[in-house]
Amino acid sequence: MPSVDSVKVAVRVRPFSQREKDAGSKCVISMNSNSTSIYDPRNPEHVKTFTFDLAFWSHSGFLKDKNGVLVPAGCNSYAGQVRLCAKAN
């Protein structure tokens, strides 16, 4: 009997780095469930949408705890490292 291999593909939208914040970067990605959309900031009507097995939003909706770790700010969709590790296993 042949073996069956499968691969799950995940995407995570990370927070801006300080360099990106200093440059005034704008987020051009949005997520809805497992769909991730990227739009062209010069032409917002031009959107590409992709579907992944797992999609995690970590760009906004977080606070730093006393140890400097990013944690969800209230009930929102922020995916911290703990949530990612739990989903991976």
PDB file of N, CA and C in Angstrom:
ATOM      1  N   MET A   1       0.845  -1.165   0.000  1.00  0.00           N
ATOM      2  CA  MET A   1       0.000   0.000   0.000  1.00  0.00           C
ATOM      3  C   MET A   1       0.898   1.237   0.000  1.00  0.00           C
ATOM      4  N   PRO A   2       0.684   2.186  -0.919  1.00  0.00           N
ATOM      5  CA  PRO A   2       1.540   3.380  -0.976  1.00  0.00           C
ATOM      6  C   PRO A   2       1.278   4.287   0.215  1.00  0.00           C
ATOM      7  N   SER A   3       2.341   4.957   0.648  1.00  0.00           N
ATOM      8  CA  SER A   3       2.173   5.909   1.744  1.00  0.00           C
ATOM      9  C   SER A   3       1.571   7.198   1.209  1.00  0.00           C
ATOM     10  N   VAL A   4       0.803   7.837   2.037  1.00  0.00           N
ATOM     11  CA  VAL A   4       0.165   9.094   1.654  1.00  0.00           C
ATOM     12  C   VAL A   4       0.785  10.201   2.492  1.00  0.00           C
ATOM     13  N   ASP A   5       1.397  11.147   1.825  1.00  0.00           N
ATOM     14  CA  ASP A   5       1.986  12.296   2.504  1.00  0.00           C
ATOM     15  C   ASP A   5       1.097  13.498   2.286  1.00  0.00           C
ATOM     16  N   SER A   6       1.039  14.333   3.295  1.00  0.00           N
ATOM     17  CA  SER A   6       0.293  15.577   3.131  1.00  0.00           C
ATOM     18  C   SER A   6       1.050  16.694   3.839  1.00  0.00           C
ATOM     19  N   VAL A   7       0.829  17.860   3.346  1.00  0.00           N
ATOM     20  CA  VAL A   7       1.484  19.047   3.905  1.00  0.00           C
ATOM     21  C   VAL A   7       0.407  20.073   4.216  1.00  0.00           C
ATOM     22  N   LYS A   8       0.480  20.625   5.409  1.00  0.00           N
ATOM     23  CA  LYS A   8      -0.398  21.745   5.748  1.00  0.00           C
ATOM     24  C   LYS A   8       0.412  23.014   5.600  1.00  0.00           C
ATOM     25  N   VAL A   9      -0.226  24.019   5.040  1.00  0.00           N
ATOM     26  CA  VAL A   9       0.456  25.293   4.815  1.00  0.00           C
ATOM     27  C   VAL A   9      -0.197  26.356   5.695  1.00  0.00           C
ATOM     28  N   ALA A  10       0.645  27.061   6.443  1.00  0.00           N
ATOM     29  CA  ALA A  10       0.162  28.108   7.343  1.00  0.00           C
ATOM     30  C   ALA A  10       0.793  29.440   6.967  1.00  0.00           C
ATOM     31  N   VAL A  11       0.070  30.508   7.280  1.00  0.00           N
ATOM     32  CA  VAL A  11       0.579  31.857   7.065  1.00  0.00           C
ATOM     33  C   VAL A  11       0.331  32.649   8.343  1.00  0.00           C
ATOM     34  N   ARG A  12       1.267  33.542   8.658  1.00  0.00           N
ATOM     35  CA  ARG A  12       1.124  34.413   9.827  1.00  0.00           C
ATOM     36  C   ARG A  12       1.499  35.831   9.425  1.00  0.00           C
ATOM     37  N   VAL A  13       0.632  36.777   9.742  1.00  0.00           N
ATOM     38  CA  VAL A  13       0.924  38.181   9.489  1.00  0.00           C
ATOM     39  C   VAL A  13       1.508  38.742  10.775  1.00  0.00           C
ATOM     40  N   ARG A  14       2.771  39.115  10.736  1.00  0.00           N
ATOM     41  CA  ARG A  14       3.494  39.566  11.921  1.00  0.00           C
ATOM     42  C   ARG A  14       3.344  41.073  12.116  1.00  0.00           C
ATOM     43  N   PRO A  15       3.645  41.550  13.325  1.00  0.00           N
ATOM     44  CA  PRO A  15       3.638  42.995  13.555  1.00  0.00           C
ATOM     45  C   PRO A  15       4.752  43.678  12.757  1.00  0.00           C
ATOM     46  N   PHE A  16       4.569  44.959  12.489  1.00  0.00           N
ATOM     47  CA  PHE A  16       5.633  45.720  11.829  1.00  0.00           C
ATOM     48  C   PHE A  16       6.857  45.795  12.728  1.00  0.00           C
ATOM     49  N   SER A  17       8.016  45.772  12.114  1.00  0.00           N
ATOM     50  CA  SER A  17       9.261  46.025  12.838  1.00  0.00           C
ATOM     51  C   SER A  17       9.353  47.534  13.098  1.00  0.00           C
ATOM     52  N   GLN A  18      10.266  47.930  13.955  1.00  0.00           N
ATOM     53  CA  GLN A  18      10.431  49.362  14.226  1.00  0.00           C
ATOM     54  C   GLN A  18      10.820  50.108  12.953  1.00  0.00           C
ATOM     55  N   ARG A  19      11.638  49.501  12.123  1.00  0.00           N
ATOM     56  CA  ARG A  19      12.045  50.126  10.860  1.00  0.00           C
ATOM     57  C   ARG A  19      10.822  50.376   9.970  1.00  0.00           C
ATOM     58  N   GLU A  20       9.910  49.406   9.914  1.00  0.00           N
ATOM     59  CA  GLU A  20       8.700  49.573   9.105  1.00  0.00           C
ATOM     60  C   GLU A  20       7.793  50.657   9.689  1.00  0.00           C
ATOM     61  N   LYS A  21       7.698  50.713  11.015  1.00  0.00           N
ATOM     62  CA  LYS A  21       6.909  51.770  11.654  1.00  0.00           C
ATOM     63  C   LYS A  21       7.502  53.134  11.367  1.00  0.00           C
ATOM     64  N   ASP A  22       8.827  53.255  11.493  1.00  0.00           N
ATOM     65  CA  ASP A  22       9.507  54.527  11.246  1.00  0.00           C
ATOM     66  C   ASP A  22       9.335  54.994   9.809  1.00  0.00           C
ATOM     67  N   ALA A  23       9.222  54.046   8.888  1.00  0.00           N
ATOM     68  CA  ALA A  23       9.060  54.384   7.473  1.00  0.00           C
ATOM     69  C   ALA A  23       7.610  54.722   7.123  1.00  0.00           C
ATOM     70  N   GLY A  24       6.694  54.577   8.096  1.00  0.00           N
ATOM     71  CA  GLY A  24       5.288  54.880   7.838  1.00  0.00           C
ATOM     72  C   GLY A  24       4.597  53.816   6.998  1.00  0.00           C
ATOM     73  N   SER A  25       5.058  52.582   7.098  1.00  0.00           N
ATOM     74  CA  SER A  25       4.478  51.487   6.314  1.00  0.00           C
ATOM     75  C   SER A  25       3.006  51.294   6.638  1.00  0.00           C
ATOM     76  N   LYS A  26       2.244  50.876   5.648  1.00  0.00           N
ATOM     77  CA  LYS A  26       0.818  50.582   5.798  1.00  0.00           C
ATOM     78  C   LYS A  26       0.607  49.086   5.603  1.00  0.00           C
ATOM     79  N   CYS A  27      -0.295  48.518   6.381  1.00  0.00           N
ATOM     80  CA  CYS A  27      -0.615  47.102   6.247  1.00  0.00           C
ATOM     81  C   CYS A  27      -1.474  46.911   4.996  1.00  0.00           C
ATOM     82  N   VAL A  28      -1.057  46.034   4.111  1.00  0.00           N
ATOM     83  CA  VAL A  28      -1.773  45.784   2.857  1.00  0.00           C
ATOM     84  C   VAL A  28      -2.363  44.374   2.837  1.00  0.00           C
ATOM     85  N   ILE A  29      -2.512  43.788   4.020  1.00  0.00           N
ATOM     86  CA  ILE A  29      -3.015  42.422   4.133  1.00  0.00           C
ATOM     87  C   ILE A  29      -4.231  42.404   5.033  1.00  0.00           C
ATOM     88  N   SER A  30      -5.203  41.590   4.676  1.00  0.00           N
ATOM     89  CA  SER A  30      -6.347  41.352   5.556  1.00  0.00           C
ATOM     90  C   SER A  30      -6.617  39.855   5.565  1.00  0.00           C
ATOM     91  N   MET A  31      -7.242  39.395   6.637  1.00  0.00           N
ATOM     92  CA  MET A  31      -7.551  37.971   6.771  1.00  0.00           C
ATOM     93  C   MET A  31      -9.005  37.786   7.133  1.00  0.00           C
ATOM     94  N   ASN A  32      -9.573  36.734   6.577  1.00  0.00           N
ATOM     95  CA  ASN A  32     -10.922  36.321   6.916  1.00  0.00           C
ATOM     96  C   ASN A  32     -10.897  34.801   6.961  1.00  0.00           C
ATOM     97  N   SER A  33     -10.915  34.261   8.160  1.00  0.00           N
ATOM     98  CA  SER A  33     -10.790  32.813   8.360  1.00  0.00           C
ATOM     99  C   SER A  33      -9.456  32.354   7.771  1.00  0.00           C
ATOM    100  N   ASN A  34      -9.466  31.422   6.835  1.00  0.00           N
ATOM    101  CA  ASN A  34      -8.217  30.922   6.247  1.00  0.00           C
ATOM    102  C   ASN A  34      -7.852  31.630   4.947  1.00  0.00           C
ATOM    103  N   SER A  35      -8.606  32.655   4.578  1.00  0.00           N
ATOM    104  CA  SER A  35      -8.305  33.417   3.372  1.00  0.00           C
ATOM    105  C   SER A  35      -7.490  34.656   3.728  1.00  0.00           C
ATOM    106  N   THR A  36      -6.451  34.883   2.972  1.00  0.00           N
ATOM    107  CA  THR A  36      -5.580  36.038   3.165  1.00  0.00           C
ATOM    108  C   THR A  36      -5.586  36.854   1.886  1.00  0.00           C
ATOM    109  N   SER A  37      -5.898  38.144   2.003  1.00  0.00           N
ATOM    110  CA  SER A  37      -5.949  39.027   0.842  1.00  0.00           C
ATOM    111  C   SER A  37      -4.847  40.065   0.929  1.00  0.00           C
ATOM    112  N   ILE A  38      -4.237  40.322  -0.210  1.00  0.00           N
ATOM    113  CA  ILE A  38      -3.181  41.326  -0.322  1.00  0.00           C
ATOM    114  C   ILE A  38      -3.629  42.324  -1.382  1.00  0.00           C
ATOM    115  N   TYR A  39      -3.589  43.602  -1.026  1.00  0.00           N
ATOM    116  CA  TYR A  39      -3.981  44.606  -2.014  1.00  0.00           C
ATOM    117  C   TYR A  39      -2.815  45.512  -2.356  1.00  0.00           C
ATOM    118  N   ASP A  40      -2.876  46.072  -3.544  1.00  0.00           N
ATOM    119  CA  ASP A  40      -1.867  47.001  -4.034  1.00  0.00           C
ATOM    120  C   ASP A  40      -2.179  48.381  -3.465  1.00  0.00           C
ATOM    121  N   PRO A  41      -1.288  48.970  -2.638  1.00  0.00           N
ATOM    122  CA  PRO A  41      -1.598  50.264  -2.023  1.00  0.00           C
ATOM    123  C   PRO A  41      -1.776  51.393  -3.045  1.00  0.00           C
ATOM    124  N   ARG A  42      -1.244  51.243  -4.238  1.00  0.00           N
ATOM    125  CA  ARG A  42      -1.428  52.263  -5.281  1.00  0.00           C
ATOM    126  C   ARG A  42      -2.743  52.067  -6.013  1.00  0.00           C
ATOM    127  N   ASN A  43      -3.303  50.856  -5.914  1.00  0.00           N
ATOM    128  CA  ASN A  43      -4.563  50.535  -6.576  1.00  0.00           C
ATOM    129  C   ASN A  43      -5.334  49.558  -5.681  1.00  0.00           C
ATOM    130  N   PRO A  44      -6.008  50.051  -4.633  1.00  0.00           N
ATOM    131  CA  PRO A  44      -6.686  49.178  -3.671  1.00  0.00           C
ATOM    132  C   PRO A  44      -7.741  48.249  -4.280  1.00  0.00           C
ATOM    133  N   GLU A  45      -8.174  48.539  -5.491  1.00  0.00           N
ATOM    134  CA  GLU A  45      -9.143  47.666  -6.167  1.00  0.00           C
ATOM    135  C   GLU A  45      -8.485  46.364  -6.631  1.00  0.00           C
ATOM    136  N   HIS A  46      -7.167  46.377  -6.776  1.00  0.00           N
ATOM    137  CA  HIS A  46      -6.424  45.202  -7.229  1.00  0.00           C
ATOM    138  C   HIS A  46      -6.063  44.349  -6.020  1.00  0.00           C
ATOM    139  N   VAL A  47      -6.791  43.236  -5.843  1.00  0.00           N
ATOM    140  CA  VAL A  47      -6.628  42.384  -4.667  1.00  0.00           C
ATOM    141  C   VAL A  47      -6.347  40.954  -5.107  1.00  0.00           C
ATOM    142  N   LYS A  48      -5.408  40.315  -4.439  1.00  0.00           N
ATOM    143  CA  LYS A  48      -5.122  38.889  -4.648  1.00  0.00           C
ATOM    144  C   LYS A  48      -5.499  38.181  -3.357  1.00  0.00           C
ATOM    145  N   THR A  49      -6.246  37.094  -3.457  1.00  0.00           N
ATOM    146  CA  THR A  49      -6.668  36.339  -2.284  1.00  0.00           C
ATOM    147  C   THR A  49      -6.157  34.911  -2.384  1.00  0.00           C
ATOM    148  N   PHE A  50      -5.640  34.426  -1.261  1.00  0.00           N
ATOM    149  CA  PHE A  50      -5.077  33.079  -1.178  1.00  0.00           C
ATOM    150  C   PHE A  50      -5.726  32.367   0.009  1.00  0.00           C
ATOM    151  N   THR A  51      -5.847  31.054  -0.083  1.00  0.00           N
ATOM    152  CA  THR A  51      -6.398  30.258   1.000  1.00  0.00           C
ATOM    153  C   THR A  51      -5.327  29.302   1.513  1.00  0.00           C
ATOM    154  N   PHE A  52      -5.190  29.252   2.829  1.00  0.00           N
ATOM    155  CA  PHE A  52      -4.195  28.401   3.480  1.00  0.00           C
ATOM    156  C   PHE A  52      -4.907  27.444   4.429  1.00  0.00           C
ATOM    157  N   ASP A  53      -4.224  26.389   4.822  1.00  0.00           N
ATOM    158  CA  ASP A  53      -4.791  25.464   5.803  1.00  0.00           C
ATOM    159  C   ASP A  53      -4.962  26.146   7.157  1.00  0.00           C
ATOM    160  N   LEU A  54      -3.994  26.957   7.523  1.00  0.00           N
ATOM    161  CA  LEU A  54      -4.023  27.697   8.784  1.00  0.00           C
ATOM    162  C   LEU A  54      -3.606  29.136   8.516  1.00  0.00           C
ATOM    163  N   ALA A  55      -4.286  30.082   9.136  1.00  0.00           N
ATOM    164  CA  ALA A  55      -3.949  31.494   8.963  1.00  0.00           C
ATOM    165  C   ALA A  55      -4.003  32.172  10.327  1.00  0.00           C
ATOM    166  N   PHE A  56      -2.957  32.924  10.644  1.00  0.00           N
ATOM    167  CA  PHE A  56      -2.840  33.562  11.958  1.00  0.00           C
ATOM    168  C   PHE A  56      -2.562  35.055  11.799  1.00  0.00           C
ATOM    169  N   TRP A  57      -3.333  35.853  12.527  1.00  0.00           N
ATOM    170  CA  TRP A  57      -3.177  37.304  12.516  1.00  0.00           C
ATOM    171  C   TRP A  57      -2.391  37.729  13.755  1.00  0.00           C
ATOM    172  N   SER A  58      -1.225  38.303  13.561  1.00  0.00           N
ATOM    173  CA  SER A  58      -0.414  38.790  14.672  1.00  0.00           C
ATOM    174  C   SER A  58       0.034  40.230  14.440  1.00  0.00           C
ATOM    175  N   HIS A  59      -0.569  40.902  13.467  1.00  0.00           N
ATOM    176  CA  HIS A  59      -0.140  42.251  13.115  1.00  0.00           C
ATOM    177  C   HIS A  59      -0.571  43.293  14.145  1.00  0.00           C
ATOM    178  N   SER A  60      -1.757  43.140  14.695  1.00  0.00           N
ATOM    179  CA  SER A  60      -2.263  44.129  15.649  1.00  0.00           C
ATOM    180  C   SER A  60      -3.118  43.419  16.693  1.00  0.00           C
ATOM    181  N   GLY A  61      -3.574  44.178  17.679  1.00  0.00           N
ATOM    182  CA  GLY A  61      -4.430  43.617  18.708  1.00  0.00           C
ATOM    183  C   GLY A  61      -3.671  42.971  19.846  1.00  0.00           C
ATOM    184  N   PHE A  62      -2.484  43.501  20.153  1.00  0.00           N
ATOM    185  CA  PHE A  62      -1.677  42.910  21.204  1.00  0.00           C
ATOM    186  C   PHE A  62      -1.147  43.972  22.153  1.00  0.00           C
ATOM    187  N   LEU A  63      -0.735  43.504  23.307  1.00  0.00           N
ATOM    188  CA  LEU A  63      -0.039  44.314  24.305  1.00  0.00           C
ATOM    189  C   LEU A  63       1.226  43.566  24.691  1.00  0.00           C
ATOM    190  N   LYS A  64       2.172  44.265  25.294  1.00  0.00           N
ATOM    191  CA  LYS A  64       3.356  43.597  25.835  1.00  0.00           C
ATOM    192  C   LYS A  64       3.112  43.334  27.313  1.00  0.00           C
ATOM    193  N   ASP A  65       3.358  42.083  27.732  1.00  0.00           N
ATOM    194  CA  ASP A  65       3.216  41.789  29.154  1.00  0.00           C
ATOM    195  C   ASP A  65       4.466  42.241  29.903  1.00  0.00           C
ATOM    196  N   LYS A  66       4.546  41.965  31.198  1.00  0.00           N
ATOM    197  CA  LYS A  66       5.666  42.449  32.011  1.00  0.00           C
ATOM    198  C   LYS A  66       7.011  41.891  31.569  1.00  0.00           C
ATOM    199  N   ASN A  67       7.006  40.799  30.817  1.00  0.00           N
ATOM    200  CA  ASN A  67       8.247  40.203  30.301  1.00  0.00           C
ATOM    201  C   ASN A  67       8.556  40.632  28.863  1.00  0.00           C
ATOM    202  N   GLY A  68       7.720  41.516  28.312  1.00  0.00           N
ATOM    203  CA  GLY A  68       7.932  41.963  26.946  1.00  0.00           C
ATOM    204  C   GLY A  68       7.360  41.029  25.891  1.00  0.00           C
ATOM    205  N   VAL A  69       6.594  40.025  26.334  1.00  0.00           N
ATOM    206  CA  VAL A  69       5.978  39.072  25.409  1.00  0.00           C
ATOM    207  C   VAL A  69       4.676  39.667  24.890  1.00  0.00           C
ATOM    208  N   LEU A  70       4.418  39.523  23.585  1.00  0.00           N
ATOM    209  CA  LEU A  70       3.185  40.024  22.997  1.00  0.00           C
ATOM    210  C   LEU A  70       2.040  39.080  23.342  1.00  0.00           C
ATOM    211  N   VAL A  71       0.971  39.626  23.902  1.00  0.00           N
ATOM    212  CA  VAL A  71      -0.205  38.843  24.292  1.00  0.00           C
ATOM    213  C   VAL A  71      -1.449  39.531  23.746  1.00  0.00           C
ATOM    214  N   PRO A  72      -2.547  38.780  23.552  1.00  0.00           N
ATOM    215  CA  PRO A  72      -3.775  39.394  23.034  1.00  0.00           C
ATOM    216  C   PRO A  72      -4.274  40.514  23.933  1.00  0.00           C
ATOM    217  N   ALA A  73      -4.771  41.570  23.316  1.00  0.00           N
ATOM    218  CA  ALA A  73      -5.372  42.690  24.048  1.00  0.00           C
ATOM    219  C   ALA A  73      -6.877  42.477  24.061  1.00  0.00           C
ATOM    220  N   GLY A  74      -7.380  41.797  25.075  1.00  0.00           N
ATOM    221  CA  GLY A  74      -8.813  41.504  25.163  1.00  0.00           C
ATOM    222  C   GLY A  74      -9.186  40.368  24.222  1.00  0.00           C
ATOM    223  N   CYS A  75     -10.464  40.274  23.935  1.00  0.00           N
ATOM    224  CA  CYS A  75     -10.946  39.211  23.031  1.00  0.00           C
ATOM    225  C   CYS A  75     -10.784  39.674  21.591  1.00  0.00           C
ATOM    226  N   ASN A  76      -9.824  39.135  20.916  1.00  0.00           N
ATOM    227  CA  ASN A  76      -9.640  39.461  19.508  1.00  0.00           C
ATOM    228  C   ASN A  76      -8.973  38.288  18.812  1.00  0.00           C
ATOM    229  N   SER A  77      -8.589  38.472  17.603  1.00  0.00           N
ATOM    230  CA  SER A  77      -8.037  37.376  16.817  1.00  0.00           C
ATOM    231  C   SER A  77      -6.515  37.316  16.831  1.00  0.00           C
ATOM    232  N   TYR A  78      -5.869  38.095  17.707  1.00  0.00           N
ATOM    233  CA  TYR A  78      -4.405  38.070  17.751  1.00  0.00           C
ATOM    234  C   TYR A  78      -3.901  36.670  18.064  1.00  0.00           C
ATOM    235  N   ALA A  79      -2.961  36.181  17.264  1.00  0.00           N
ATOM    236  CA  ALA A  79      -2.377  34.849  17.460  1.00  0.00           C
ATOM    237  C   ALA A  79      -0.962  34.998  17.986  1.00  0.00           C
ATOM    238  N   GLY A  80      -0.803  34.769  19.279  1.00  0.00           N
ATOM    239  CA  GLY A  80       0.529  34.798  19.889  1.00  0.00           C
ATOM    240  C   GLY A  80       1.247  33.484  19.667  1.00  0.00           C
ATOM    241  N   GLN A  81       2.486  33.440  20.093  1.00  0.00           N
ATOM    242  CA  GLN A  81       3.310  32.254  19.889  1.00  0.00           C
ATOM    243  C   GLN A  81       2.711  31.011  20.560  1.00  0.00           C
ATOM    244  N   VAL A  82       2.103  31.192  21.729  1.00  0.00           N
ATOM    245  CA  VAL A  82       1.509  30.059  22.438  1.00  0.00           C
ATOM    246  C   VAL A  82       0.389  29.444  21.598  1.00  0.00           C
ATOM    247  N   ARG A  83      -0.443  30.283  21.006  1.00  0.00           N
ATOM    248  CA  ARG A  83      -1.533  29.778  20.160  1.00  0.00           C
ATOM    249  C   ARG A  83      -1.002  29.072  18.928  1.00  0.00           C
ATOM    250  N   LEU A  84       0.069  29.600  18.330  1.00  0.00           N
ATOM    251  CA  LEU A  84       0.648  28.966  17.156  1.00  0.00           C
ATOM    252  C   LEU A  84       1.193  27.583  17.497  1.00  0.00           C
ATOM    253  N   CYS A  85       1.886  27.482  18.602  1.00  0.00           N
ATOM    254  CA  CYS A  85       2.469  26.196  19.015  1.00  0.00           C
ATOM    255  C   CYS A  85       1.371  25.183  19.311  1.00  0.00           C
ATOM    256  N   ALA A  86       0.270  25.635  19.916  1.00  0.00           N
ATOM    257  CA  ALA A  86      -0.842  24.735  20.228  1.00  0.00           C
ATOM    258  C   ALA A  86      -1.485  24.204  18.947  1.00  0.00           C
ATOM    259  N   LYS A  87      -1.623  25.042  17.928  1.00  0.00           N
ATOM    260  CA  LYS A  87      -2.229  24.639  16.663  1.00  0.00           C
ATOM    261  C   LYS A  87      -1.311  23.705  15.871  1.00  0.00           C
ATOM    262  N   ALA A  88      -0.013  23.884  16.022  1.00  0.00           N
ATOM    263  CA  ALA A  88       0.949  23.085  15.257  1.00  0.00           C
ATOM    264  C   ALA A  88       0.996  21.645  15.737  1.00  0.00           C
ATOM    265  N   ASN A  89       0.627  21.425  16.986  1.00  0.00           N
ATOM    266  CA  ASN A  89       0.708  20.068  17.550  1.00  0.00           C
ATOM    267  C   ASN A  89      -0.578  19.327  17.484  1.00  0.00           C
TER     268      ASN A  89
END
